[in-house]
Amino acid sequence: MDGPSGEEVRDIMSVLLPDPRSGDFQVCDFDTSEWRPLALKDQCAAVHDLVLPRNVEQEVRIQFDLARNLLIYAWFVFRFNALSQLQALRCLELALRQRVPGEASAKGMKQLLELALRAGLLQPVHFAIEHSPEPLGRAVRNMVREARSQPRLEEFEHTIEFLRSFRNDLAHGEPWLHPNSRVVLALVHQLIAALYPENAA
């Protein structure tokens, strides 16, 4: 392979260079309606609006901002995408454990989300996002369930299953390079904001 792969440990001369993979992505420029290579400004803009409400616990906001910063710095080290996603999911679990009654009995993300639904802290609509984080996973789950004569999952159930499995994969060392961290962070942002309504104590 010619040139750096992006996997090398940086030295003083390369520490501020973008990861070679960062320039492989294209975005549509809204000003010109033309496609252009992804730029650092796009990486920053991807998290600019993902600000948690002020009534969210400070520690949750700090931990979520760490996930946002990791996504920005993924421009320089592409594998920071996985760290950003894992940090966001850890932050969601932190928020769930602070807000959900009976959380001590929950053994993982899926149970915490189901408890939040039963308690009325979350609604199915809170799991809806513009783009599916894993369309193939949804299709496979539906095929398996149809083969077993089981009903299809509701959309929010697919999202819960994604959050459970993706968080576990990342936490247990799967080397995923899922570049669309913005989708994961936006979903986590939406769920945490819902857990802390304006009248939350």
C-alpha atoms as a PDB file:
ATOM      1  CA  MET A   1       0.000   0.000   0.000  1.00  0.00           C
ATOM      2  CA  ASP A   2       1.305   3.455  -0.909  1.00  0.00           C
ATOM      3  CA  GLY A   3       1.187   6.052   1.861  1.00  0.00           C
ATOM      4  CA  PRO A   4      -0.187   5.768   5.395  1.00  0.00           C
ATOM      5  CA  SER A   5      -3.180   3.543   6.120  1.00  0.00           C
ATOM      6  CA  GLY A   6      -4.421   5.556   9.093  1.00  0.00           C
ATOM      7  CA  GLU A   7      -3.655   2.739  11.524  1.00  0.00           C
ATOM      8  CA  GLU A   8      -0.183   3.991  12.424  1.00  0.00           C
ATOM      9  CA  VAL A   9       0.645   5.701  15.701  1.00  0.00           C
ATOM     10  CA  ARG A  10       1.116   9.387  14.889  1.00  0.00           C
ATOM     11  CA  ASP A  11       4.339  11.290  15.235  1.00  0.00           C
ATOM     12  CA  ILE A  12       4.790  15.033  15.634  1.00  0.00           C
ATOM     13  CA  MET A  13       4.755  15.551  11.862  1.00  0.00           C
ATOM     14  CA  SER A  14       1.505  13.673  11.237  1.00  0.00           C
ATOM     15  CA  VAL A  15      -0.543  14.242  14.385  1.00  0.00           C
ATOM     16  CA  LEU A  16      -2.701  16.974  12.811  1.00  0.00           C
ATOM     17  CA  LEU A  17      -3.169  15.312   9.429  1.00  0.00           C
ATOM     18  CA  PRO A  18      -6.578  13.842   8.579  1.00  0.00           C
ATOM     19  CA  ASP A  19      -6.958  10.091   8.529  1.00  0.00           C
ATOM     20  CA  PRO A  20      -6.531   8.930   4.907  1.00  0.00           C
ATOM     21  CA  ARG A  21     -10.037   7.427   5.013  1.00  0.00           C
ATOM     22  CA  SER A  22     -11.691  10.712   5.994  1.00  0.00           C
ATOM     23  CA  GLY A  23     -11.448  12.066   2.465  1.00  0.00           C
ATOM     24  CA  ASP A  24     -13.098   8.984   0.961  1.00  0.00           C
ATOM     25  CA  PHE A  25     -16.589  10.280   1.778  1.00  0.00           C
ATOM     26  CA  GLN A  26     -18.649  12.759  -0.236  1.00  0.00           C
ATOM     27  CA  VAL A  27     -21.263  15.264   0.915  1.00  0.00           C
ATOM     28  CA  CYS A  28     -23.695  17.391  -1.038  1.00  0.00           C
ATOM     29  CA  ASP A  29     -22.904  21.073  -0.597  1.00  0.00           C
ATOM     30  CA  PHE A  30     -26.185  22.861   0.137  1.00  0.00           C
ATOM     31  CA  ASP A  31     -24.870  26.138  -1.275  1.00  0.00           C
ATOM     32  CA  THR A  32     -23.855  24.750  -4.661  1.00  0.00           C
ATOM     33  CA  SER A  33     -25.897  21.501  -4.813  1.00  0.00           C
ATOM     34  CA  GLU A  34     -22.687  19.781  -5.892  1.00  0.00           C
ATOM     35  CA  TRP A  35     -20.959  16.814  -4.338  1.00  0.00           C
ATOM     36  CA  ARG A  36     -17.579  17.423  -2.719  1.00  0.00           C
ATOM     37  CA  PRO A  37     -15.200  15.546  -0.404  1.00  0.00           C
ATOM     38  CA  LEU A  38     -16.074  15.523   3.288  1.00  0.00           C
ATOM     39  CA  ALA A  39     -14.198  18.243   5.204  1.00  0.00           C
ATOM     40  CA  LEU A  40     -13.356  18.890   8.851  1.00  0.00           C
ATOM     41  CA  LYS A  41     -16.063  21.575   8.952  1.00  0.00           C
ATOM     42  CA  ASP A  42     -18.618  18.863   8.121  1.00  0.00           C
ATOM     43  CA  GLN A  43     -17.329  16.686  10.946  1.00  0.00           C
ATOM     44  CA  CYS A  44     -17.782  19.593  13.374  1.00  0.00           C
ATOM     45  CA  ALA A  45     -21.210  20.454  11.974  1.00  0.00           C
ATOM     46  CA  ALA A  46     -22.354  16.849  12.450  1.00  0.00           C
ATOM     47  CA  VAL A  47     -22.443  17.307  16.230  1.00  0.00           C
ATOM     48  CA  HIS A  48     -23.134  21.052  16.460  1.00  0.00           C
ATOM     49  CA  ASP A  49     -26.865  20.645  17.046  1.00  0.00           C
ATOM     50  CA  LEU A  50     -26.622  17.598  19.336  1.00  0.00           C
ATOM     51  CA  VAL A  51     -26.682  19.623  22.557  1.00  0.00           C
ATOM     52  CA  LEU A  52     -28.502  18.029  25.487  1.00  0.00           C
ATOM     53  CA  PRO A  53     -31.035  20.181  27.374  1.00  0.00           C
ATOM     54  CA  ARG A  54     -29.758  22.029  30.432  1.00  0.00           C
ATOM     55  CA  ASN A  55     -31.987  20.007  32.767  1.00  0.00           C
ATOM     56  CA  VAL A  56     -30.117  16.802  31.881  1.00  0.00           C
ATOM     57  CA  GLU A  57     -27.766  15.775  34.688  1.00  0.00           C
ATOM     58  CA  GLN A  58     -24.416  17.511  34.324  1.00  0.00           C
ATOM     59  CA  GLU A  59     -22.448  14.258  34.335  1.00  0.00           C
ATOM     60  CA  VAL A  60     -24.610  12.901  31.517  1.00  0.00           C
ATOM     61  CA  ARG A  61     -24.030  16.077  29.484  1.00  0.00           C
ATOM     62  CA  ILE A  62     -20.266  15.903  30.103  1.00  0.00           C
ATOM     63  CA  GLN A  63     -20.116  12.275  29.024  1.00  0.00           C
ATOM     64  CA  PHE A  64     -22.208  12.940  25.915  1.00  0.00           C
ATOM     65  CA  ASP A  65     -20.001  15.877  24.963  1.00  0.00           C
ATOM     66  CA  LEU A  66     -17.065  13.473  25.132  1.00  0.00           C
ATOM     67  CA  ALA A  67     -18.816  11.339  22.491  1.00  0.00           C
ATOM     68  CA  ARG A  68     -19.342  14.461  20.355  1.00  0.00           C
ATOM     69  CA  ASN A  69     -15.688  15.435  20.620  1.00  0.00           C
ATOM     70  CA  LEU A  70     -14.591  11.921  19.726  1.00  0.00           C
ATOM     71  CA  LEU A  71     -16.699  12.144  16.569  1.00  0.00           C
ATOM     72  CA  ILE A  72     -14.985  15.404  15.614  1.00  0.00           C
ATOM     73  CA  TYR A  73     -11.547  13.895  16.214  1.00  0.00           C
ATOM     74  CA  ALA A  74     -12.472  10.856  14.115  1.00  0.00           C
ATOM     75  CA  TRP A  75     -11.504  13.150  11.242  1.00  0.00           C
ATOM     76  CA  PHE A  76      -7.904  12.620  12.356  1.00  0.00           C
ATOM     77  CA  VAL A  77      -8.198   9.012  13.603  1.00  0.00           C
ATOM     78  CA  PHE A  78     -10.988   7.167  11.798  1.00  0.00           C
ATOM     79  CA  ARG A  79     -11.309   4.480  14.460  1.00  0.00           C
ATOM     80  CA  PHE A  80     -12.444   7.152  16.915  1.00  0.00           C
ATOM     81  CA  ASN A  81     -15.837   6.613  15.258  1.00  0.00           C
ATOM     82  CA  ALA A  82     -16.196   3.367  17.216  1.00  0.00           C
ATOM     83  CA  LEU A  83     -15.098   5.080  20.442  1.00  0.00           C
ATOM     84  CA  SER A  84     -17.590   7.889  19.838  1.00  0.00           C
ATOM     85  CA  GLN A  85     -20.424   5.419  19.328  1.00  0.00           C
ATOM     86  CA  LEU A  86     -19.502   3.345  22.387  1.00  0.00           C
ATOM     87  CA  GLN A  87     -19.187   6.473  24.531  1.00  0.00           C
ATOM     88  CA  ALA A  88     -22.624   7.664  23.394  1.00  0.00           C
ATOM     89  CA  LEU A  89     -24.171   4.288  24.248  1.00  0.00           C
ATOM     90  CA  ARG A  90     -22.427   4.260  27.649  1.00  0.00           C
ATOM     91  CA  CYS A  91     -23.884   7.717  28.222  1.00  0.00           C
ATOM     92  CA  LEU A  92     -27.379   6.475  27.361  1.00  0.00           C
ATOM     93  CA  GLU A  93     -26.984   3.685  29.904  1.00  0.00           C
ATOM     94  CA  LEU A  94     -25.845   6.227  32.509  1.00  0.00           C
ATOM     95  CA  ALA A  95     -28.939   8.348  31.866  1.00  0.00           C
ATOM     96  CA  LEU A  96     -31.228   5.314  32.029  1.00  0.00           C
ATOM     97  CA  ARG A  97     -29.754   4.218  35.348  1.00  0.00           C
ATOM     98  CA  GLN A  98     -30.324   7.703  36.767  1.00  0.00           C
ATOM     99  CA  ARG A  99     -33.897   8.038  35.552  1.00  0.00           C
ATOM    100  CA  VAL A 100     -35.507   4.573  35.420  1.00  0.00           C
ATOM    101  CA  PRO A 101     -37.293   3.200  38.509  1.00  0.00           C
ATOM    102  CA  GLY A 102     -36.104  -0.298  39.395  1.00  0.00           C
ATOM    103  CA  GLU A 103     -32.982   0.057  37.259  1.00  0.00           C
ATOM    104  CA  ALA A 104     -30.938  -1.975  39.744  1.00  0.00           C
ATOM    105  CA  SER A 105     -32.669  -5.153  38.553  1.00  0.00           C
ATOM    106  CA  ALA A 106     -31.774  -4.492  34.906  1.00  0.00           C
ATOM    107  CA  LYS A 107     -28.828  -6.427  33.544  1.00  0.00           C
ATOM    108  CA  GLY A 108     -28.229  -4.447  30.372  1.00  0.00           C
ATOM    109  CA  MET A 109     -29.263  -1.867  27.822  1.00  0.00           C
ATOM    110  CA  LYS A 110     -32.291  -3.733  26.480  1.00  0.00           C
ATOM    111  CA  GLN A 111     -33.819  -4.267  29.919  1.00  0.00           C
ATOM    112  CA  LEU A 112     -33.199  -0.637  30.861  1.00  0.00           C
ATOM    113  CA  LEU A 113     -34.950   0.575  27.707  1.00  0.00           C
ATOM    114  CA  GLU A 114     -37.874  -1.789  28.300  1.00  0.00           C
ATOM    115  CA  LEU A 115     -38.183  -0.536  31.904  1.00  0.00           C
ATOM    116  CA  ALA A 116     -38.168   3.056  30.635  1.00  0.00           C
ATOM    117  CA  LEU A 117     -40.968   2.208  28.196  1.00  0.00           C
ATOM    118  CA  ARG A 118     -43.033   0.510  30.909  1.00  0.00           C
ATOM    119  CA  ALA A 119     -42.518   3.496  33.218  1.00  0.00           C
ATOM    120  CA  GLY A 120     -43.690   5.881  30.497  1.00  0.00           C
ATOM    121  CA  LEU A 121     -40.348   7.708  30.426  1.00  0.00           C
ATOM    122  CA  LEU A 122     -39.898   6.696  26.795  1.00  0.00           C
ATOM    123  CA  GLN A 123     -42.442   6.157  24.035  1.00  0.00           C
ATOM    124  CA  PRO A 124     -42.042   4.212  20.762  1.00  0.00           C
ATOM    125  CA  VAL A 125     -41.914   7.541  18.905  1.00  0.00           C
ATOM    126  CA  HIS A 126     -38.693   8.449  20.718  1.00  0.00           C
ATOM    127  CA  PHE A 127     -36.904   5.611  18.874  1.00  0.00           C
ATOM    128  CA  ALA A 128     -37.817   6.949  15.423  1.00  0.00           C
ATOM    129  CA  ILE A 129     -34.981   8.512  13.443  1.00  0.00           C
ATOM    130  CA  GLU A 130     -34.624   9.658   9.863  1.00  0.00           C
ATOM    131  CA  HIS A 131     -32.169   6.934   8.830  1.00  0.00           C
ATOM    132  CA  SER A 132     -32.006   3.401  10.172  1.00  0.00           C
ATOM    133  CA  PRO A 133     -28.672   2.729  11.885  1.00  0.00           C
ATOM    134  CA  GLU A 134     -28.662  -0.813  10.449  1.00  0.00           C
ATOM    135  CA  PRO A 135     -31.183  -1.536   7.678  1.00  0.00           C
ATOM    136  CA  LEU A 136     -29.624  -4.925   6.922  1.00  0.00           C
ATOM    137  CA  GLY A 137     -30.018  -6.026  10.542  1.00  0.00           C
ATOM    138  CA  ARG A 138     -33.719  -5.195  10.444  1.00  0.00           C
ATOM    139  CA  ALA A 139     -34.207  -7.132   7.241  1.00  0.00           C
ATOM    140  CA  VAL A 140     -32.386 -10.185   8.617  1.00  0.00           C
ATOM    141  CA  ARG A 141     -34.358 -10.161  11.862  1.00  0.00           C
ATOM    142  CA  ASN A 142     -37.627  -9.966   9.942  1.00  0.00           C
ATOM    143  CA  MET A 143     -36.589 -12.846   7.658  1.00  0.00           C
ATOM    144  CA  VAL A 144     -35.667 -15.029  10.640  1.00  0.00           C
ATOM    145  CA  ARG A 145     -38.921 -14.255  12.429  1.00  0.00           C
ATOM    146  CA  GLU A 146     -40.973 -14.963   9.307  1.00  0.00           C
ATOM    147  CA  ALA A 147     -39.179 -18.305   8.899  1.00  0.00           C
ATOM    148  CA  ARG A 148     -40.182 -19.138  12.465  1.00  0.00           C
ATOM    149  CA  SER A 149     -43.766 -17.948  11.882  1.00  0.00           C
ATOM    150  CA  GLN A 150     -43.234 -15.131  14.378  1.00  0.00           C
ATOM    151  CA  PRO A 151     -44.666 -11.636  13.887  1.00  0.00           C
ATOM    152  CA  ARG A 152     -42.377  -8.897  12.645  1.00  0.00           C
ATOM    153  CA  LEU A 153     -40.891  -6.584  15.229  1.00  0.00           C
ATOM    154  CA  GLU A 154     -42.212  -3.064  15.550  1.00  0.00           C
ATOM    155  CA  GLU A 155     -39.809  -0.362  14.380  1.00  0.00           C
ATOM    156  CA  PHE A 156     -38.942   0.730  17.922  1.00  0.00           C
ATOM    157  CA  GLU A 157     -38.210  -2.910  18.834  1.00  0.00           C
ATOM    158  CA  HIS A 158     -35.717  -3.109  15.972  1.00  0.00           C
ATOM    159  CA  THR A 159     -34.026   0.019  17.326  1.00  0.00           C
ATOM    160  CA  ILE A 160     -33.837  -1.444  20.829  1.00  0.00           C
ATOM    161  CA  GLU A 161     -32.306  -4.616  19.431  1.00  0.00           C
ATOM    162  CA  PHE A 162     -29.756  -2.567  17.490  1.00  0.00           C
ATOM    163  CA  LEU A 163     -28.797  -0.561  20.588  1.00  0.00           C
ATOM    164  CA  ARG A 164     -28.400  -3.734  22.638  1.00  0.00           C
ATOM    165  CA  SER A 165     -26.355  -5.679  20.109  1.00  0.00           C
ATOM    166  CA  PHE A 166     -24.222  -2.778  18.851  1.00  0.00           C
ATOM    167  CA  ARG A 167     -23.335  -1.647  22.367  1.00  0.00           C
ATOM    168  CA  ASN A 168     -22.357  -5.190  23.349  1.00  0.00           C
ATOM    169  CA  ASP A 169     -20.305  -5.692  20.189  1.00  0.00           C
ATOM    170  CA  LEU A 170     -18.375  -2.467  20.737  1.00  0.00           C
ATOM    171  CA  ALA A 171     -17.874  -3.109  24.456  1.00  0.00           C
ATOM    172  CA  HIS A 172     -16.589  -6.623  23.858  1.00  0.00           C
ATOM    173  CA  GLY A 173     -13.974  -5.715  21.313  1.00  0.00           C
ATOM    174  CA  GLU A 174     -15.614  -6.169  17.905  1.00  0.00           C
ATOM    175  CA  PRO A 175     -13.520  -4.067  15.481  1.00  0.00           C
ATOM    176  CA  TRP A 176     -16.470  -2.360  13.789  1.00  0.00           C
ATOM    177  CA  LEU A 177     -15.768   0.600  11.531  1.00  0.00           C
ATOM    178  CA  HIS A 178     -19.305   1.944  11.243  1.00  0.00           C
ATOM    179  CA  PRO A 179     -18.694   5.446   9.822  1.00  0.00           C
ATOM    180  CA  ASN A 180     -22.163   6.894  10.386  1.00  0.00           C
ATOM    181  CA  SER A 181     -21.608   7.887  13.992  1.00  0.00           C
ATOM    182  CA  ARG A 182     -23.929  10.870  13.518  1.00  0.00           C
ATOM    183  CA  VAL A 183     -26.938   8.506  13.283  1.00  0.00           C
ATOM    184  CA  VAL A 184     -25.999   6.737  16.524  1.00  0.00           C
ATOM    185  CA  LEU A 185     -25.294   9.982  18.397  1.00  0.00           C
ATOM    186  CA  ALA A 186     -28.519  11.586  17.132  1.00  0.00           C
ATOM    187  CA  LEU A 187     -30.540   8.596  18.338  1.00  0.00           C
ATOM    188  CA  VAL A 188     -28.866   8.646  21.754  1.00  0.00           C
ATOM    189  CA  HIS A 189     -29.368  12.417  21.973  1.00  0.00           C
ATOM    190  CA  GLN A 190     -33.075  11.999  21.234  1.00  0.00           C
ATOM    191  CA  LEU A 191     -33.544   9.263  23.848  1.00  0.00           C
ATOM    192  CA  ILE A 192     -31.643  11.090  26.596  1.00  0.00           C
ATOM    193  CA  ALA A 193     -33.564  14.304  25.957  1.00  0.00           C
ATOM    194  CA  ALA A 194     -36.819  12.341  26.259  1.00  0.00           C
ATOM    195  CA  LEU A 195     -35.665  10.866  29.583  1.00  0.00           C
ATOM    196  CA  TYR A 196     -35.313  14.393  30.990  1.00  0.00           C
ATOM    197  CA  PRO A 197     -38.513  16.307  30.170  1.00  0.00           C
ATOM    198  CA  GLU A 198     -38.637  19.928  31.252  1.00  0.00           C
ATOM    199  CA  ASN A 199     -40.561  19.083  34.418  1.00  0.00           C
ATOM    200  CA  ALA A 200     -38.138  16.298  35.438  1.00  0.00           C
ATOM    201  CA  ALA A 201     -37.063  16.508  39.034  1.00  0.00           C
END
